[in-house]
């Protein structure tokens, strides 16, 4: 199973939608809640260059946010990325 990490907050609707979508695909999501762990926000910004959530990683690949995740799905690129990441684990 691929490692999926998502920087999130407890009140972010896009985070909720991204997590729900990934869980519907049978995947586990490791969430880092930056509103509960503020030090993780700086780590997220350093890794992604972005300040918004969600920020999703599949394996070592930075996907981006919810819209980026859905774009990968619509383009047929998400499942191959998941398979590749599963091989990394």
PDB file of N, CA and C in Angstrom:
ATOM      1  N   UNK A   1       0.845  -1.179   0.000  1.00  0.00           N
ATOM      2  CA  UNK A   1       0.000   0.000   0.000  1.00  0.00           C
ATOM      3  C   UNK A   1       0.892   1.245   0.000  1.00  0.00           C
ATOM      4  N   UNK A   2       0.573   2.223  -0.838  1.00  0.00           N
ATOM      5  CA  UNK A   2       1.400   3.432  -0.885  1.00  0.00           C
ATOM      6  C   UNK A   2       1.253   4.258   0.385  1.00  0.00           C
ATOM      7  N   UNK A   3       2.332   4.940   0.747  1.00  0.00           N
ATOM      8  CA  UNK A   3       2.283   5.849   1.892  1.00  0.00           C
ATOM      9  C   UNK A   3       1.707   7.177   1.408  1.00  0.00           C
ATOM     10  N   UNK A   4       0.609   7.601   2.046  1.00  0.00           N
ATOM     11  CA  UNK A   4      -0.020   8.869   1.699  1.00  0.00           C
ATOM     12  C   UNK A   4      -0.002   9.752   2.936  1.00  0.00           C
ATOM     13  N   UNK A   5       0.585  10.923   2.784  1.00  0.00           N
ATOM     14  CA  UNK A   5       0.661  11.890   3.869  1.00  0.00           C
ATOM     15  C   UNK A   5      -0.071  13.146   3.422  1.00  0.00           C
ATOM     16  N   UNK A   6      -0.897  13.674   4.321  1.00  0.00           N
ATOM     17  CA  UNK A   6      -1.649  14.881   3.987  1.00  0.00           C
ATOM     18  C   UNK A   6      -1.536  15.886   5.131  1.00  0.00           C
ATOM     19  N   UNK A   7      -0.984  17.048   4.814  1.00  0.00           N
ATOM     20  CA  UNK A   7      -1.004  18.162   5.758  1.00  0.00           C
ATOM     21  C   UNK A   7      -2.416  18.739   5.708  1.00  0.00           C
ATOM     22  N   UNK A   8      -3.001  18.944   6.884  1.00  0.00           N
ATOM     23  CA  UNK A   8      -4.408  19.270   6.960  1.00  0.00           C
ATOM     24  C   UNK A   8      -4.690  20.134   8.186  1.00  0.00           C
ATOM     25  N   UNK A   9      -5.941  20.584   8.288  1.00  0.00           N
ATOM     26  CA  UNK A   9      -6.467  21.175   9.519  1.00  0.00           C
ATOM     27  C   UNK A   9      -7.799  20.486   9.806  1.00  0.00           C
ATOM     28  N   UNK A  10      -8.290  20.670  11.019  1.00  0.00           N
ATOM     29  CA  UNK A  10      -9.549  20.025  11.408  1.00  0.00           C
ATOM     30  C   UNK A  10     -10.756  20.633  10.720  1.00  0.00           C
ATOM     31  N   UNK A  11     -10.657  21.865  10.225  1.00  0.00           N
ATOM     32  CA  UNK A  11     -11.835  22.543   9.679  1.00  0.00           C
ATOM     33  C   UNK A  11     -11.789  22.752   8.167  1.00  0.00           C
ATOM     34  N   UNK A  12     -10.853  22.165   7.485  1.00  0.00           N
ATOM     35  CA  UNK A  12     -10.674  22.372   6.048  1.00  0.00           C
ATOM     36  C   UNK A  12     -11.589  21.441   5.242  1.00  0.00           C
ATOM     37  N   UNK A  13     -12.566  22.001   4.508  1.00  0.00           N
ATOM     38  CA  UNK A  13     -13.461  21.134   3.731  1.00  0.00           C
ATOM     39  C   UNK A  13     -12.749  20.409   2.588  1.00  0.00           C
ATOM     40  N   UNK A  14     -11.743  21.037   1.988  1.00  0.00           N
ATOM     41  CA  UNK A  14     -11.014  20.367   0.905  1.00  0.00           C
ATOM     42  C   UNK A  14     -10.186  19.205   1.433  1.00  0.00           C
ATOM     43  N   UNK A  15      -9.695  19.337   2.655  1.00  0.00           N
ATOM     44  CA  UNK A  15      -8.967  18.235   3.290  1.00  0.00           C
ATOM     45  C   UNK A  15      -9.903  17.054   3.503  1.00  0.00           C
ATOM     46  N   UNK A  16     -11.104  17.352   3.968  1.00  0.00           N
ATOM     47  CA  UNK A  16     -12.104  16.308   4.200  1.00  0.00           C
ATOM     48  C   UNK A  16     -12.464  15.609   2.896  1.00  0.00           C
ATOM     49  N   UNK A  17     -12.660  16.378   1.838  1.00  0.00           N
ATOM     50  CA  UNK A  17     -13.007  15.780   0.543  1.00  0.00           C
ATOM     51  C   UNK A  17     -11.865  14.927   0.006  1.00  0.00           C
ATOM     52  N   UNK A  18     -10.636  15.402   0.144  1.00  0.00           N
ATOM     53  CA  UNK A  18      -9.479  14.635  -0.332  1.00  0.00           C
ATOM     54  C   UNK A  18      -9.352  13.334   0.441  1.00  0.00           C
ATOM     55  N   UNK A  19      -9.486  13.410   1.765  1.00  0.00           N
ATOM     56  CA  UNK A  19      -9.376  12.205   2.581  1.00  0.00           C
ATOM     57  C   UNK A  19     -10.488  11.218   2.228  1.00  0.00           C
ATOM     58  N   UNK A  20     -11.711  11.696   2.081  1.00  0.00           N
ATOM     59  CA  UNK A  20     -12.830  10.826   1.735  1.00  0.00           C
ATOM     60  C   UNK A  20     -12.583  10.142   0.389  1.00  0.00           C
ATOM     61  N   UNK A  21     -12.119  10.898  -0.584  1.00  0.00           N
ATOM     62  CA  UNK A  21     -11.845  10.332  -1.904  1.00  0.00           C
ATOM     63  C   UNK A  21     -10.784   9.230  -1.825  1.00  0.00           C
ATOM     64  N   UNK A  22      -9.701   9.506  -1.117  1.00  0.00           N
ATOM     65  CA  UNK A  22      -8.620   8.522  -1.015  1.00  0.00           C
ATOM     66  C   UNK A  22      -9.075   7.276  -0.248  1.00  0.00           C
ATOM     67  N   UNK A  23      -9.862   7.464   0.792  1.00  0.00           N
ATOM     68  CA  UNK A  23     -10.378   6.317   1.552  1.00  0.00           C
ATOM     69  C   UNK A  23     -11.343   5.483   0.706  1.00  0.00           C
ATOM     70  N   UNK A  24     -12.124   6.119  -0.155  1.00  0.00           N
ATOM     71  CA  UNK A  24     -13.016   5.392  -1.054  1.00  0.00           C
ATOM     72  C   UNK A  24     -12.228   4.519  -2.031  1.00  0.00           C
ATOM     73  N   UNK A  25     -10.990   4.908  -2.285  1.00  0.00           N
ATOM     74  CA  UNK A  25     -10.115   4.100  -3.133  1.00  0.00           C
ATOM     75  C   UNK A  25      -9.426   2.997  -2.322  1.00  0.00           C
ATOM     76  N   UNK A  26      -9.774   2.890  -1.034  1.00  0.00           N
ATOM     77  CA  UNK A  26      -9.210   1.852  -0.181  1.00  0.00           C
ATOM     78  C   UNK A  26      -7.849   2.188   0.387  1.00  0.00           C
ATOM     79  N   UNK A  27      -7.524   3.475   0.445  1.00  0.00           N
ATOM     80  CA  UNK A  27      -6.205   3.901   0.885  1.00  0.00           C
ATOM     81  C   UNK A  27      -6.252   4.476   2.293  1.00  0.00           C
ATOM     82  N   UNK A  28      -5.148   4.354   2.999  1.00  0.00           N
ATOM     83  CA  UNK A  28      -4.999   4.965   4.311  1.00  0.00           C
ATOM     84  C   UNK A  28      -4.285   6.303   4.143  1.00  0.00           C
ATOM     85  N   UNK A  29      -4.703   7.273   4.937  1.00  0.00           N
ATOM     86  CA  UNK A  29      -4.134   8.609   4.861  1.00  0.00           C
ATOM     87  C   UNK A  29      -3.552   8.966   6.219  1.00  0.00           C
ATOM     88  N   UNK A  30      -2.256   9.288   6.230  1.00  0.00           N
ATOM     89  CA  UNK A  30      -1.622   9.773   7.454  1.00  0.00           C
ATOM     90  C   UNK A  30      -1.749  11.293   7.441  1.00  0.00           C
ATOM     91  N   UNK A  31      -2.530  11.820   8.395  1.00  0.00           N
ATOM     92  CA  UNK A  31      -2.753  13.258   8.438  1.00  0.00           C
ATOM     93  C   UNK A  31      -1.811  13.913   9.439  1.00  0.00           C
ATOM     94  N   UNK A  32      -1.294  15.057   9.038  1.00  0.00           N
ATOM     95  CA  UNK A  32      -0.518  15.926   9.927  1.00  0.00           C
ATOM     96  C   UNK A  32      -1.351  17.187  10.092  1.00  0.00           C
ATOM     97  N   UNK A  33      -1.909  17.363  11.281  1.00  0.00           N
ATOM     98  CA  UNK A  33      -2.802  18.485  11.539  1.00  0.00           C
ATOM     99  C   UNK A  33      -1.991  19.701  11.979  1.00  0.00           C
ATOM    100  N   UNK A  34      -1.830  20.643  11.058  1.00  0.00           N
ATOM    101  CA  UNK A  34      -0.979  21.796  11.360  1.00  0.00           C
ATOM    102  C   UNK A  34      -1.641  22.773  12.323  1.00  0.00           C
ATOM    103  N   UNK A  35      -2.961  22.652  12.525  1.00  0.00           N
ATOM    104  CA  UNK A  35      -3.596  23.505  13.523  1.00  0.00           C
ATOM    105  C   UNK A  35      -3.381  22.960  14.942  1.00  0.00           C
ATOM    106  N   UNK A  36      -3.039  21.689  15.056  1.00  0.00           N
ATOM    107  CA  UNK A  36      -2.720  21.097  16.354  1.00  0.00           C
ATOM    108  C   UNK A  36      -1.213  21.007  16.576  1.00  0.00           C
ATOM    109  N   UNK A  37      -0.453  21.015  15.488  1.00  0.00           N
ATOM    110  CA  UNK A  37       1.003  20.929  15.548  1.00  0.00           C
ATOM    111  C   UNK A  37       1.578  22.076  14.712  1.00  0.00           C
ATOM    112  N   UNK A  38       1.568  23.303  15.239  1.00  0.00           N
ATOM    113  CA  UNK A  38       1.974  24.465  14.442  1.00  0.00           C
ATOM    114  C   UNK A  38       3.396  24.373  13.888  1.00  0.00           C
ATOM    115  N   UNK A  39       4.287  23.661  14.562  1.00  0.00           N
ATOM    116  CA  UNK A  39       5.653  23.514  14.060  1.00  0.00           C
ATOM    117  C   UNK A  39       5.673  22.772  12.723  1.00  0.00           C
ATOM    118  N   UNK A  40       4.652  21.966  12.468  1.00  0.00           N
ATOM    119  CA  UNK A  40       4.584  21.231  11.208  1.00  0.00           C
ATOM    120  C   UNK A  40       4.241  22.139  10.027  1.00  0.00           C
ATOM    121  N   UNK A  41       3.656  23.290  10.300  1.00  0.00           N
ATOM    122  CA  UNK A  41       3.336  24.210   9.211  1.00  0.00           C
ATOM    123  C   UNK A  41       4.610  24.677   8.521  1.00  0.00           C
ATOM    124  N   UNK A  42       5.626  25.001   9.297  1.00  0.00           N
ATOM    125  CA  UNK A  42       6.889  25.433   8.703  1.00  0.00           C
ATOM    126  C   UNK A  42       7.504  24.310   7.870  1.00  0.00           C
ATOM    127  N   UNK A  43       7.415  23.101   8.367  1.00  0.00           N
ATOM    128  CA  UNK A  43       7.919  21.944   7.623  1.00  0.00           C
ATOM    129  C   UNK A  43       7.174  21.793   6.295  1.00  0.00           C
ATOM    130  N   UNK A  44       5.846  21.964   6.333  1.00  0.00           N
ATOM    131  CA  UNK A  44       5.034  21.872   5.120  1.00  0.00           C
ATOM    132  C   UNK A  44       5.448  22.941   4.112  1.00  0.00           C
ATOM    133  N   UNK A  45       5.638  24.168   4.580  1.00  0.00           N
ATOM    134  CA  UNK A  45       6.013  25.267   3.688  1.00  0.00           C
ATOM    135  C   UNK A  45       7.380  25.005   3.062  1.00  0.00           C
ATOM    136  N   UNK A  46       8.320  24.502   3.855  1.00  0.00           N
ATOM    137  CA  UNK A  46       9.652  24.203   3.328  1.00  0.00           C
ATOM    138  C   UNK A  46       9.599  23.106   2.272  1.00  0.00           C
ATOM    139  N   UNK A  47       8.754  22.096   2.475  1.00  0.00           N
ATOM    140  CA  UNK A  47       8.668  20.971   1.535  1.00  0.00           C
ATOM    141  C   UNK A  47       7.912  21.327   0.261  1.00  0.00           C
ATOM    142  N   UNK A  48       6.898  22.204   0.384  1.00  0.00           N
ATOM    143  CA  UNK A  48       5.998  22.424  -0.744  1.00  0.00           C
ATOM    144  C   UNK A  48       6.066  23.823  -1.346  1.00  0.00           C
ATOM    145  N   UNK A  49       6.530  24.795  -0.567  1.00  0.00           N
ATOM    146  CA  UNK A  49       6.489  26.176  -1.018  1.00  0.00           C
ATOM    147  C   UNK A  49       5.090  26.762  -0.946  1.00  0.00           C
ATOM    148  N   UNK A  50       4.175  26.043  -0.319  1.00  0.00           N
ATOM    149  CA  UNK A  50       2.782  26.479  -0.230  1.00  0.00           C
ATOM    150  C   UNK A  50       2.364  26.626   1.230  1.00  0.00           C
ATOM    151  N   UNK A  51       1.369  27.499   1.454  1.00  0.00           N
ATOM    152  CA  UNK A  51       0.861  27.755   2.803  1.00  0.00           C
ATOM    153  C   UNK A  51      -0.547  27.208   3.007  1.00  0.00           C
ATOM    154  N   UNK A  52      -1.163  26.673   1.959  1.00  0.00           N
ATOM    155  CA  UNK A  52      -2.551  26.224   2.043  1.00  0.00           C
ATOM    156  C   UNK A  52      -2.623  24.716   2.257  1.00  0.00           C
ATOM    157  N   UNK A  53      -3.746  24.278   2.806  1.00  0.00           N
ATOM    158  CA  UNK A  53      -4.005  22.859   2.976  1.00  0.00           C
ATOM    159  C   UNK A  53      -5.221  22.479   2.141  1.00  0.00           C
ATOM    160  N   UNK A  54      -5.317  21.225   1.732  1.00  0.00           N
ATOM    161  CA  UNK A  54      -4.379  20.154   2.020  1.00  0.00           C
ATOM    162  C   UNK A  54      -3.141  20.231   1.135  1.00  0.00           C
ATOM    163  N   UNK A  55      -2.069  19.646   1.625  1.00  0.00           N
ATOM    164  CA  UNK A  55      -0.879  19.372   0.823  1.00  0.00           C
ATOM    165  C   UNK A  55      -0.675  17.866   0.923  1.00  0.00           C
ATOM    166  N   UNK A  56      -0.771  17.202  -0.210  1.00  0.00           N
ATOM    167  CA  UNK A  56      -0.810  15.744  -0.260  1.00  0.00           C
ATOM    168  C   UNK A  56       0.468  15.214  -0.884  1.00  0.00           C
ATOM    169  N   UNK A  57       1.020  14.193  -0.226  1.00  0.00           N
ATOM    170  CA  UNK A  57       2.170  13.456  -0.741  1.00  0.00           C
ATOM    171  C   UNK A  57       1.759  12.012  -0.949  1.00  0.00           C
ATOM    172  N   UNK A  58       2.080  11.476  -2.095  1.00  0.00           N
ATOM    173  CA  UNK A  58       1.914  10.045  -2.350  1.00  0.00           C
ATOM    174  C   UNK A  58       3.320   9.509  -2.503  1.00  0.00           C
ATOM    175  N   UNK A  59       3.729   8.701  -1.517  1.00  0.00           N
ATOM    176  CA  UNK A  59       5.126   8.308  -1.441  1.00  0.00           C
ATOM    177  C   UNK A  59       5.949   9.567  -1.281  1.00  0.00           C
ATOM    178  N   UNK A  60       6.969   9.720  -2.095  1.00  0.00           N
ATOM    179  CA  UNK A  60       7.818  10.915  -2.023  1.00  0.00           C
ATOM    180  C   UNK A  60       7.352  12.014  -2.989  1.00  0.00           C
ATOM    181  N   UNK A  61       6.291  11.739  -3.749  1.00  0.00           N
ATOM    182  CA  UNK A  61       5.797  12.678  -4.762  1.00  0.00           C
ATOM    183  C   UNK A  61       4.811  13.672  -4.150  1.00  0.00           C
ATOM    184  N   UNK A  62       5.099  14.967  -4.294  1.00  0.00           N
ATOM    185  CA  UNK A  62       4.177  16.006  -3.829  1.00  0.00           C
ATOM    186  C   UNK A  62       3.103  16.210  -4.881  1.00  0.00           C
ATOM    187  N   UNK A  63       1.881  15.845  -4.534  1.00  0.00           N
ATOM    188  CA  UNK A  63       0.742  15.986  -5.444  1.00  0.00           C
ATOM    189  C   UNK A  63       0.261  17.424  -5.481  1.00  0.00           C
ATOM    190  N   UNK A  64       0.161  18.050  -4.310  1.00  0.00           N
ATOM    191  CA  UNK A  64      -0.402  19.390  -4.189  1.00  0.00           C
ATOM    192  C   UNK A  64      -1.668  19.304  -3.379  1.00  0.00           C
ATOM    193  N   UNK A  65      -2.675  20.091  -3.761  1.00  0.00           N
ATOM    194  CA  UNK A  65      -3.918  20.142  -3.021  1.00  0.00           C
ATOM    195  C   UNK A  65      -5.013  19.285  -3.628  1.00  0.00           C
ATOM    196  N   UNK A  66      -6.231  19.522  -3.172  1.00  0.00           N
ATOM    197  CA  UNK A  66      -7.382  18.732  -3.615  1.00  0.00           C
ATOM    198  C   UNK A  66      -7.578  18.832  -5.129  1.00  0.00           C
ATOM    199  N   UNK A  67      -7.535  20.038  -5.673  1.00  0.00           N
ATOM    200  CA  UNK A  67      -7.730  20.196  -7.117  1.00  0.00           C
ATOM    201  C   UNK A  67      -6.661  19.455  -7.909  1.00  0.00           C
ATOM    202  N   UNK A  68      -5.431  19.471  -7.408  1.00  0.00           N
ATOM    203  CA  UNK A  68      -4.345  18.747  -8.077  1.00  0.00           C
ATOM    204  C   UNK A  68      -4.597  17.239  -8.043  1.00  0.00           C
ATOM    205  N   UNK A  69      -5.082  16.754  -6.909  1.00  0.00           N
ATOM    206  CA  UNK A  69      -5.402  15.332  -6.762  1.00  0.00           C
ATOM    207  C   UNK A  69      -6.492  14.931  -7.749  1.00  0.00           C
ATOM    208  N   UNK A  70      -7.530  15.743  -7.852  1.00  0.00           N
ATOM    209  CA  UNK A  70      -8.633  15.428  -8.761  1.00  0.00           C
ATOM    210  C   UNK A  70      -8.192  15.523 -10.227  1.00  0.00           C
ATOM    211  N   UNK A  71      -7.289  16.450 -10.518  1.00  0.00           N
ATOM    212  CA  UNK A  71      -6.779  16.558 -11.889  1.00  0.00           C
ATOM    213  C   UNK A  71      -6.019  15.286 -12.261  1.00  0.00           C
ATOM    214  N   UNK A  72      -5.214  14.765 -11.331  1.00  0.00           N
ATOM    215  CA  UNK A  72      -4.506  13.511 -11.600  1.00  0.00           C
ATOM    216  C   UNK A  72      -5.492  12.382 -11.873  1.00  0.00           C
ATOM    217  N   UNK A  73      -6.562  12.330 -11.085  1.00  0.00           N
ATOM    218  CA  UNK A  73      -7.580  11.287 -11.268  1.00  0.00           C
ATOM    219  C   UNK A  73      -8.244  11.431 -12.636  1.00  0.00           C
ATOM    220  N   UNK A  74      -8.639  12.635 -12.998  1.00  0.00           N
ATOM    221  CA  UNK A  74      -9.326  12.867 -14.277  1.00  0.00           C
ATOM    222  C   UNK A  74      -8.424  12.562 -15.479  1.00  0.00           C
ATOM    223  N   UNK A  75      -7.112  12.773 -15.308  1.00  0.00           N
ATOM    224  CA  UNK A  75      -6.166  12.530 -16.403  1.00  0.00           C
ATOM    225  C   UNK A  75      -5.691  11.078 -16.445  1.00  0.00           C
ATOM    226  N   UNK A  76      -6.168  10.263 -15.495  1.00  0.00           N
ATOM    227  CA  UNK A  76      -5.770   8.851 -15.465  1.00  0.00           C
ATOM    228  C   UNK A  76      -4.362   8.635 -14.943  1.00  0.00           C
ATOM    229  N   UNK A  77      -3.820   9.630 -14.237  1.00  0.00           N
ATOM    230  CA  UNK A  77      -2.443   9.540 -13.754  1.00  0.00           C
ATOM    231  C   UNK A  77      -2.331   9.162 -12.274  1.00  0.00           C
ATOM    232  N   UNK A  78      -3.465   9.161 -11.555  1.00  0.00           N
ATOM    233  CA  UNK A  78      -3.394   8.882 -10.126  1.00  0.00           C
ATOM    234  C   UNK A  78      -3.085   7.417  -9.839  1.00  0.00           C
ATOM    235  N   UNK A  79      -3.792   6.494 -10.474  1.00  0.00           N
ATOM    236  CA  UNK A  79      -3.564   5.076 -10.192  1.00  0.00           C
ATOM    237  C   UNK A  79      -2.134   4.639 -10.506  1.00  0.00           C
ATOM    238  N   UNK A  80      -1.539   5.060 -11.642  1.00  0.00           N
ATOM    239  CA  UNK A  80      -0.133   4.710 -11.865  1.00  0.00           C
ATOM    240  C   UNK A  80       0.802   5.279 -10.795  1.00  0.00           C
ATOM    241  N   UNK A  81       0.504   6.486 -10.323  1.00  0.00           N
ATOM    242  CA  UNK A  81       1.314   7.083  -9.260  1.00  0.00           C
ATOM    243  C   UNK A  81       1.174   6.281  -7.973  1.00  0.00           C
ATOM    244  N   UNK A  82      -0.036   5.831  -7.660  1.00  0.00           N
ATOM    245  CA  UNK A  82      -0.256   5.009  -6.468  1.00  0.00           C
ATOM    246  C   UNK A  82       0.512   3.686  -6.565  1.00  0.00           C
ATOM    247  N   UNK A  83       0.488   3.067  -7.736  1.00  0.00           N
ATOM    248  CA  UNK A  83       1.223   1.809  -7.931  1.00  0.00           C
ATOM    249  C   UNK A  83       2.729   2.012  -7.774  1.00  0.00           C
ATOM    250  N   UNK A  84       3.226   3.095  -8.341  1.00  0.00           N
ATOM    251  CA  UNK A  84       4.652   3.399  -8.219  1.00  0.00           C
ATOM    252  C   UNK A  84       5.022   3.614  -6.752  1.00  0.00           C
ATOM    253  N   UNK A  85       4.212   4.369  -6.026  1.00  0.00           N
ATOM    254  CA  UNK A  85       4.476   4.654  -4.618  1.00  0.00           C
ATOM    255  C   UNK A  85       4.385   3.381  -3.768  1.00  0.00           C
ATOM    256  N   UNK A  86       3.503   2.473  -4.126  1.00  0.00           N
ATOM    257  CA  UNK A  86       3.381   1.211  -3.396  1.00  0.00           C
ATOM    258  C   UNK A  86       4.673   0.412  -3.527  1.00  0.00           C
ATOM    259  N   UNK A  87       5.341   0.535  -4.667  1.00  0.00           N
ATOM    260  CA  UNK A  87       6.613  -0.140  -4.872  1.00  0.00           C
ATOM    261  C   UNK A  87       7.729   0.469  -4.067  1.00  0.00           C
ATOM    262  N   UNK A  88       7.600   1.752  -3.703  1.00  0.00           N
ATOM    263  CA  UNK A  88       8.610   2.433  -2.886  1.00  0.00           C
ATOM    264  C   UNK A  88       8.559   1.985  -1.439  1.00  0.00           C
ATOM    265  N   UNK A  89       7.355   1.578  -0.992  1.00  0.00           N
ATOM    266  CA  UNK A  89       7.164   1.245   0.431  1.00  0.00           C
ATOM    267  C   UNK A  89       7.864  -0.024   0.825  1.00  0.00           C
TER     268      UNK A  89
END
